[in-house]
């Protein structure tokens, strides 16, 4: 049991240190210690999530961070447009629309 806890602890520490394992993940769900992480673009309408990581690079990442989508922020997925692009979010009490490809750069953990 102790060795299993050490393994999970090592994985957990690697997940949030640089270079982060999450940086190089290509699959959609990261399962660690019972928590399920997913991409914001995979969330359904009327679900709430907490931001774990904001990916991307350059101007797109900066724009997302400037809109208040920071690590630890809660995001409510209000609705999707009829063709599933863009997605309307509520972040810190205001409405934000993101393209699905931009939302795919954000890793979240499902809250409710």
N, C-alpha and C. Protein backbone atom coordinates (compact mmCIF):
# COMPACT_ATOMS: atom_id res chain seq x y z
N UNK A 1 0.83 -1.20 0.00
CA UNK A 1 0.00 0.00 0.00
C UNK A 1 0.86 1.26 0.00
N UNK A 2 1.93 1.26 0.80
CA UNK A 2 2.80 2.42 0.88
C UNK A 2 3.48 2.69 -0.46
N UNK A 3 3.90 1.62 -1.16
CA UNK A 3 4.55 1.81 -2.45
C UNK A 3 3.58 2.37 -3.48
N UNK A 4 2.32 1.98 -3.40
CA UNK A 4 1.31 2.52 -4.30
C UNK A 4 1.09 4.00 -4.04
N UNK A 5 1.06 4.40 -2.78
CA UNK A 5 0.92 5.82 -2.46
C UNK A 5 2.13 6.62 -2.92
N UNK A 6 3.32 6.05 -2.79
CA UNK A 6 4.53 6.73 -3.26
C UNK A 6 4.47 6.92 -4.77
N UNK A 7 3.99 5.91 -5.48
CA UNK A 7 3.87 5.99 -6.93
C UNK A 7 2.90 7.10 -7.32
N UNK A 8 1.73 7.14 -6.68
CA UNK A 8 0.75 8.18 -6.99
C UNK A 8 1.27 9.56 -6.62
N UNK A 9 1.97 9.67 -5.51
CA UNK A 9 2.53 10.95 -5.10
C UNK A 9 3.57 11.43 -6.12
N UNK A 10 4.44 10.52 -6.58
CA UNK A 10 5.44 10.90 -7.58
C UNK A 10 4.76 11.34 -8.88
N UNK A 11 3.72 10.64 -9.29
CA UNK A 11 2.98 11.02 -10.49
C UNK A 11 2.32 12.38 -10.31
N UNK A 12 1.74 12.59 -9.12
CA UNK A 12 1.09 13.87 -8.83
C UNK A 12 2.09 15.02 -8.87
N UNK A 13 3.25 14.83 -8.29
CA UNK A 13 4.26 15.89 -8.27
C UNK A 13 4.77 16.16 -9.68
N UNK A 14 4.93 15.13 -10.49
CA UNK A 14 5.37 15.33 -11.87
C UNK A 14 4.32 16.04 -12.70
N UNK A 15 3.06 15.87 -12.34
CA UNK A 15 1.97 16.48 -13.10
C UNK A 15 2.01 18.00 -13.00
N UNK A 16 2.47 18.54 -11.87
CA UNK A 16 2.40 19.97 -11.66
C UNK A 16 3.77 20.63 -11.54
N UNK A 17 4.82 19.98 -11.99
CA UNK A 17 6.13 20.59 -12.02
C UNK A 17 6.58 20.73 -13.46
N UNK A 18 7.56 21.58 -13.70
CA UNK A 18 8.03 21.84 -15.06
C UNK A 18 9.22 20.96 -15.35
N UNK A 19 9.38 20.29 -16.47
CA UNK A 19 8.35 20.20 -17.51
C UNK A 19 7.23 19.26 -17.06
N UNK A 20 6.04 19.69 -17.24
CA UNK A 20 4.89 18.97 -16.74
C UNK A 20 4.52 17.83 -17.68
N UNK A 21 4.07 16.73 -17.10
CA UNK A 21 3.59 15.61 -17.90
C UNK A 21 2.42 16.06 -18.75
N UNK A 22 1.58 16.96 -18.20
CA UNK A 22 0.40 17.42 -18.92
C UNK A 22 0.79 18.14 -20.19
N UNK A 23 1.96 18.78 -20.22
CA UNK A 23 2.42 19.48 -21.42
C UNK A 23 2.47 18.55 -22.63
N UNK A 24 2.79 17.30 -22.39
CA UNK A 24 3.04 16.38 -23.49
C UNK A 24 1.93 15.35 -23.69
N UNK A 25 0.83 15.50 -22.97
CA UNK A 25 -0.26 14.55 -23.09
C UNK A 25 -1.01 14.78 -24.40
N UNK A 26 -1.37 13.71 -25.06
CA UNK A 26 -2.15 13.81 -26.28
C UNK A 26 -3.50 13.12 -26.14
N UNK A 27 -3.70 12.33 -25.11
CA UNK A 27 -4.99 11.71 -24.93
C UNK A 27 -5.90 12.63 -24.14
N UNK A 28 -7.20 12.35 -24.14
CA UNK A 28 -8.19 13.31 -23.67
C UNK A 28 -8.45 13.29 -22.18
N UNK A 29 -8.21 12.20 -21.51
CA UNK A 29 -8.46 12.15 -20.07
C UNK A 29 -7.19 11.75 -19.35
N UNK A 30 -6.89 12.46 -18.28
CA UNK A 30 -5.76 12.13 -17.43
C UNK A 30 -6.36 11.70 -16.10
N UNK A 31 -6.12 10.45 -15.71
CA UNK A 31 -6.71 9.95 -14.48
C UNK A 31 -5.59 9.87 -13.44
N UNK A 32 -5.77 10.59 -12.34
CA UNK A 32 -4.76 10.60 -11.29
C UNK A 32 -5.44 10.77 -9.94
N UNK A 33 -5.25 9.82 -9.04
CA UNK A 33 -5.80 9.88 -7.69
C UNK A 33 -7.31 10.08 -7.68
N UNK A 34 -8.00 9.47 -8.62
CA UNK A 34 -9.45 9.53 -8.65
C UNK A 34 -10.01 10.76 -9.33
N UNK A 35 -9.17 11.71 -9.72
CA UNK A 35 -9.66 12.91 -10.40
C UNK A 35 -9.61 12.67 -11.90
N UNK A 36 -10.61 13.15 -12.60
CA UNK A 36 -10.64 13.01 -14.04
C UNK A 36 -10.49 14.38 -14.66
N UNK A 37 -9.41 14.54 -15.42
CA UNK A 37 -9.18 15.79 -16.12
C UNK A 37 -9.62 15.60 -17.57
N UNK A 38 -10.13 16.66 -18.16
CA UNK A 38 -10.55 16.61 -19.56
C UNK A 38 -10.32 17.97 -20.19
N UNK A 39 -10.50 18.05 -21.47
CA UNK A 39 -10.39 19.32 -22.17
C UNK A 39 -11.69 20.09 -22.06
N UNK A 40 -11.60 21.39 -22.03
CA UNK A 40 -12.79 22.23 -21.92
C UNK A 40 -13.71 22.01 -23.13
N UNK A 41 -13.13 21.73 -24.27
CA UNK A 41 -13.94 21.51 -25.48
C UNK A 41 -14.77 20.23 -25.39
N UNK A 42 -14.45 19.33 -24.46
CA UNK A 42 -15.21 18.09 -24.29
C UNK A 42 -16.35 18.21 -23.30
N UNK A 43 -16.43 19.33 -22.60
CA UNK A 43 -17.50 19.53 -21.62
C UNK A 43 -18.83 19.70 -22.35
N UNK A 44 -19.88 19.26 -21.70
CA UNK A 44 -21.23 19.42 -22.25
C UNK A 44 -21.83 20.72 -21.71
N UNK A 45 -22.89 21.18 -22.34
CA UNK A 45 -23.58 22.38 -21.89
C UNK A 45 -24.13 22.17 -20.48
N UNK A 46 -24.15 23.22 -19.70
CA UNK A 46 -24.68 23.24 -18.33
C UNK A 46 -23.83 22.44 -17.35
N UNK A 47 -22.52 22.33 -17.62
CA UNK A 47 -21.60 21.67 -16.69
C UNK A 47 -20.62 22.71 -16.15
N UNK A 48 -20.11 22.45 -14.96
CA UNK A 48 -19.14 23.34 -14.33
C UNK A 48 -17.81 22.60 -14.18
N UNK A 49 -16.73 23.34 -14.37
CA UNK A 49 -15.40 22.75 -14.25
C UNK A 49 -14.44 23.77 -13.64
N UNK A 50 -13.31 23.26 -13.14
CA UNK A 50 -12.26 24.10 -12.59
C UNK A 50 -11.04 23.95 -13.49
N UNK A 51 -10.38 25.05 -13.83
CA UNK A 51 -9.23 25.04 -14.72
C UNK A 51 -8.04 24.44 -14.01
N UNK A 52 -7.40 23.47 -14.66
CA UNK A 52 -6.20 22.83 -14.15
C UNK A 52 -4.97 23.40 -14.86
N UNK A 53 -5.10 23.65 -16.15
CA UNK A 53 -3.96 24.11 -16.95
C UNK A 53 -4.46 24.85 -18.19
N UNK A 54 -3.79 25.94 -18.52
CA UNK A 54 -4.07 26.66 -19.77
C UNK A 54 -2.88 26.41 -20.68
N UNK A 55 -3.15 25.75 -21.79
CA UNK A 55 -2.09 25.42 -22.74
C UNK A 55 -2.00 26.45 -23.84
N UNK A 56 -1.50 26.02 -24.96
CA UNK A 56 -1.35 26.91 -26.10
C UNK A 56 -0.03 27.65 -26.02
N UNK A 57 0.15 28.51 -26.98
CA UNK A 57 1.38 29.31 -26.99
C UNK A 57 1.11 30.67 -27.61
N UNK A 58 1.95 31.60 -27.31
CA UNK A 58 1.88 32.92 -27.91
C UNK A 58 0.63 33.70 -27.60
N UNK A 59 0.08 34.29 -28.64
CA UNK A 59 -1.04 35.22 -28.49
C UNK A 59 -2.31 34.53 -28.00
N UNK A 60 -2.55 33.30 -28.41
CA UNK A 60 -3.77 32.60 -27.99
C UNK A 60 -3.76 32.36 -26.49
N UNK A 61 -2.65 31.88 -25.97
CA UNK A 61 -2.53 31.64 -24.52
C UNK A 61 -2.68 32.94 -23.74
N UNK A 62 -2.00 33.98 -24.19
CA UNK A 62 -2.08 35.28 -23.52
C UNK A 62 -3.50 35.80 -23.52
N UNK A 63 -4.20 35.67 -24.65
CA UNK A 63 -5.58 36.14 -24.75
C UNK A 63 -6.49 35.39 -23.78
N UNK A 64 -6.32 34.08 -23.68
CA UNK A 64 -7.13 33.27 -22.77
C UNK A 64 -6.88 33.70 -21.32
N UNK A 65 -5.62 33.90 -20.96
CA UNK A 65 -5.28 34.31 -19.60
C UNK A 65 -5.81 35.70 -19.29
N UNK A 66 -5.75 36.62 -20.26
CA UNK A 66 -6.25 37.98 -20.05
C UNK A 66 -7.76 38.02 -19.87
N UNK A 67 -8.47 37.03 -20.40
CA UNK A 67 -9.92 36.97 -20.22
C UNK A 67 -10.30 36.45 -18.84
N UNK A 68 -9.33 36.08 -18.03
CA UNK A 68 -9.61 35.62 -16.67
C UNK A 68 -9.70 34.12 -16.51
N UNK A 69 -9.38 33.39 -17.56
CA UNK A 69 -9.40 31.93 -17.48
C UNK A 69 -8.03 31.51 -16.97
N UNK A 70 -7.91 31.46 -15.64
CA UNK A 70 -6.66 31.15 -14.96
C UNK A 70 -6.77 29.82 -14.24
N UNK A 71 -5.64 29.26 -13.86
CA UNK A 71 -5.64 28.02 -13.10
C UNK A 71 -6.43 28.22 -11.81
N UNK A 72 -7.38 27.33 -11.56
CA UNK A 72 -8.21 27.41 -10.36
C UNK A 72 -9.54 28.11 -10.58
N UNK A 73 -9.72 28.80 -11.70
CA UNK A 73 -10.99 29.48 -11.98
C UNK A 73 -12.08 28.48 -12.29
N UNK A 74 -13.29 28.78 -11.84
CA UNK A 74 -14.43 27.93 -12.19
C UNK A 74 -15.07 28.45 -13.47
N UNK A 75 -15.43 27.51 -14.33
CA UNK A 75 -16.03 27.84 -15.62
C UNK A 75 -17.34 27.08 -15.73
N UNK A 76 -18.38 27.79 -16.14
CA UNK A 76 -19.68 27.17 -16.40
C UNK A 76 -19.90 27.21 -17.91
N UNK A 77 -20.16 26.06 -18.50
CA UNK A 77 -20.41 25.99 -19.94
C UNK A 77 -21.88 26.31 -20.16
N UNK A 78 -22.15 27.51 -20.64
CA UNK A 78 -23.52 27.98 -20.83
C UNK A 78 -24.19 27.23 -21.98
N UNK A 79 -23.58 27.29 -23.17
CA UNK A 79 -24.18 26.62 -24.33
C UNK A 79 -23.18 26.59 -25.47
N UNK A 80 -23.48 25.76 -26.43
CA UNK A 80 -22.73 25.71 -27.69
C UNK A 80 -23.57 26.34 -28.78
N UNK A 81 -22.91 26.89 -29.77
CA UNK A 81 -23.61 27.40 -30.96
C UNK A 81 -24.21 26.20 -31.71
N UNK A 82 -25.16 26.44 -32.61
CA UNK A 82 -25.80 25.32 -33.32
C UNK A 82 -24.84 24.36 -34.02
N UNK A 83 -23.73 24.84 -34.53
CA UNK A 83 -22.77 23.96 -35.20
C UNK A 83 -21.60 23.59 -34.29
N UNK A 84 -21.79 23.73 -32.96
CA UNK A 84 -20.80 23.38 -31.93
C UNK A 84 -19.57 24.29 -31.91
N UNK A 85 -19.62 25.43 -32.57
CA UNK A 85 -18.49 26.34 -32.55
C UNK A 85 -19.01 27.75 -32.72
N UNK A 86 -18.85 28.68 -31.83
CA UNK A 86 -18.08 28.66 -30.60
C UNK A 86 -18.88 28.14 -29.40
N UNK A 87 -18.22 28.14 -28.25
CA UNK A 87 -18.84 27.73 -27.00
C UNK A 87 -18.94 28.97 -26.11
N UNK A 88 -20.09 29.14 -25.45
CA UNK A 88 -20.27 30.28 -24.55
C UNK A 88 -20.03 29.82 -23.11
N UNK A 89 -19.16 30.52 -22.42
CA UNK A 89 -18.77 30.18 -21.05
C UNK A 89 -19.12 31.32 -20.11
N UNK A 90 -19.30 31.01 -18.85
CA UNK A 90 -19.41 32.04 -17.82
C UNK A 90 -18.20 31.87 -16.91
N UNK A 91 -17.36 32.91 -16.89
CA UNK A 91 -16.14 32.92 -16.10
C UNK A 91 -16.17 34.14 -15.20
N UNK A 92 -16.12 33.92 -13.90
CA UNK A 92 -16.09 35.02 -12.93
C UNK A 92 -17.26 35.99 -13.13
N UNK A 93 -18.41 35.47 -13.53
CA UNK A 93 -19.62 36.28 -13.64
C UNK A 93 -19.84 36.95 -14.98
N UNK A 94 -18.98 36.78 -15.93
CA UNK A 94 -19.21 37.38 -17.24
C UNK A 94 -19.15 36.32 -18.34
N UNK A 95 -19.76 36.63 -19.47
CA UNK A 95 -19.88 35.69 -20.58
C UNK A 95 -18.69 35.82 -21.52
N UNK A 96 -18.14 34.68 -21.90
CA UNK A 96 -17.00 34.62 -22.81
C UNK A 96 -17.32 33.60 -23.88
N UNK A 97 -17.01 33.92 -25.12
CA UNK A 97 -17.14 32.95 -26.20
C UNK A 97 -15.75 32.56 -26.68
N UNK A 98 -15.53 31.27 -26.79
CA UNK A 98 -14.25 30.74 -27.28
C UNK A 98 -14.50 29.80 -28.44
N UNK A 99 -13.59 29.78 -29.38
CA UNK A 99 -13.63 28.77 -30.42
C UNK A 99 -13.33 27.42 -29.78
N UNK A 100 -13.85 26.37 -30.36
CA UNK A 100 -13.63 25.03 -29.81
C UNK A 100 -12.15 24.68 -29.84
N UNK A 101 -11.42 25.11 -30.86
CA UNK A 101 -9.99 24.82 -30.92
C UNK A 101 -9.21 25.55 -29.82
N UNK A 102 -9.70 26.72 -29.39
CA UNK A 102 -9.08 27.42 -28.26
C UNK A 102 -9.45 26.73 -26.94
N UNK A 103 -10.70 26.27 -26.84
CA UNK A 103 -11.14 25.56 -25.64
C UNK A 103 -10.39 24.24 -25.47
N UNK A 104 -9.93 23.67 -26.56
CA UNK A 104 -9.18 22.42 -26.50
C UNK A 104 -7.79 22.61 -25.90
N UNK A 105 -7.34 23.85 -25.72
CA UNK A 105 -6.05 24.14 -25.10
C UNK A 105 -6.15 24.21 -23.58
N UNK A 106 -7.37 24.14 -23.03
CA UNK A 106 -7.60 24.30 -21.60
C UNK A 106 -7.96 22.96 -20.98
N UNK A 107 -7.18 22.53 -19.99
CA UNK A 107 -7.45 21.29 -19.26
C UNK A 107 -8.22 21.65 -18.00
N UNK A 108 -9.31 20.93 -17.76
CA UNK A 108 -10.17 21.22 -16.61
C UNK A 108 -10.45 19.94 -15.83
N UNK A 109 -10.91 20.12 -14.60
CA UNK A 109 -11.43 18.99 -13.83
C UNK A 109 -12.91 19.26 -13.60
N UNK A 110 -13.69 18.23 -13.83
CA UNK A 110 -15.14 18.34 -13.74
C UNK A 110 -15.55 18.55 -12.29
N UNK A 111 -16.39 19.59 -12.04
CA UNK A 111 -16.86 19.88 -10.68
C UNK A 111 -18.25 19.33 -10.48
N UNK A 112 -19.22 19.71 -11.35
CA UNK A 112 -20.58 19.19 -11.26
C UNK A 112 -21.16 19.05 -12.64
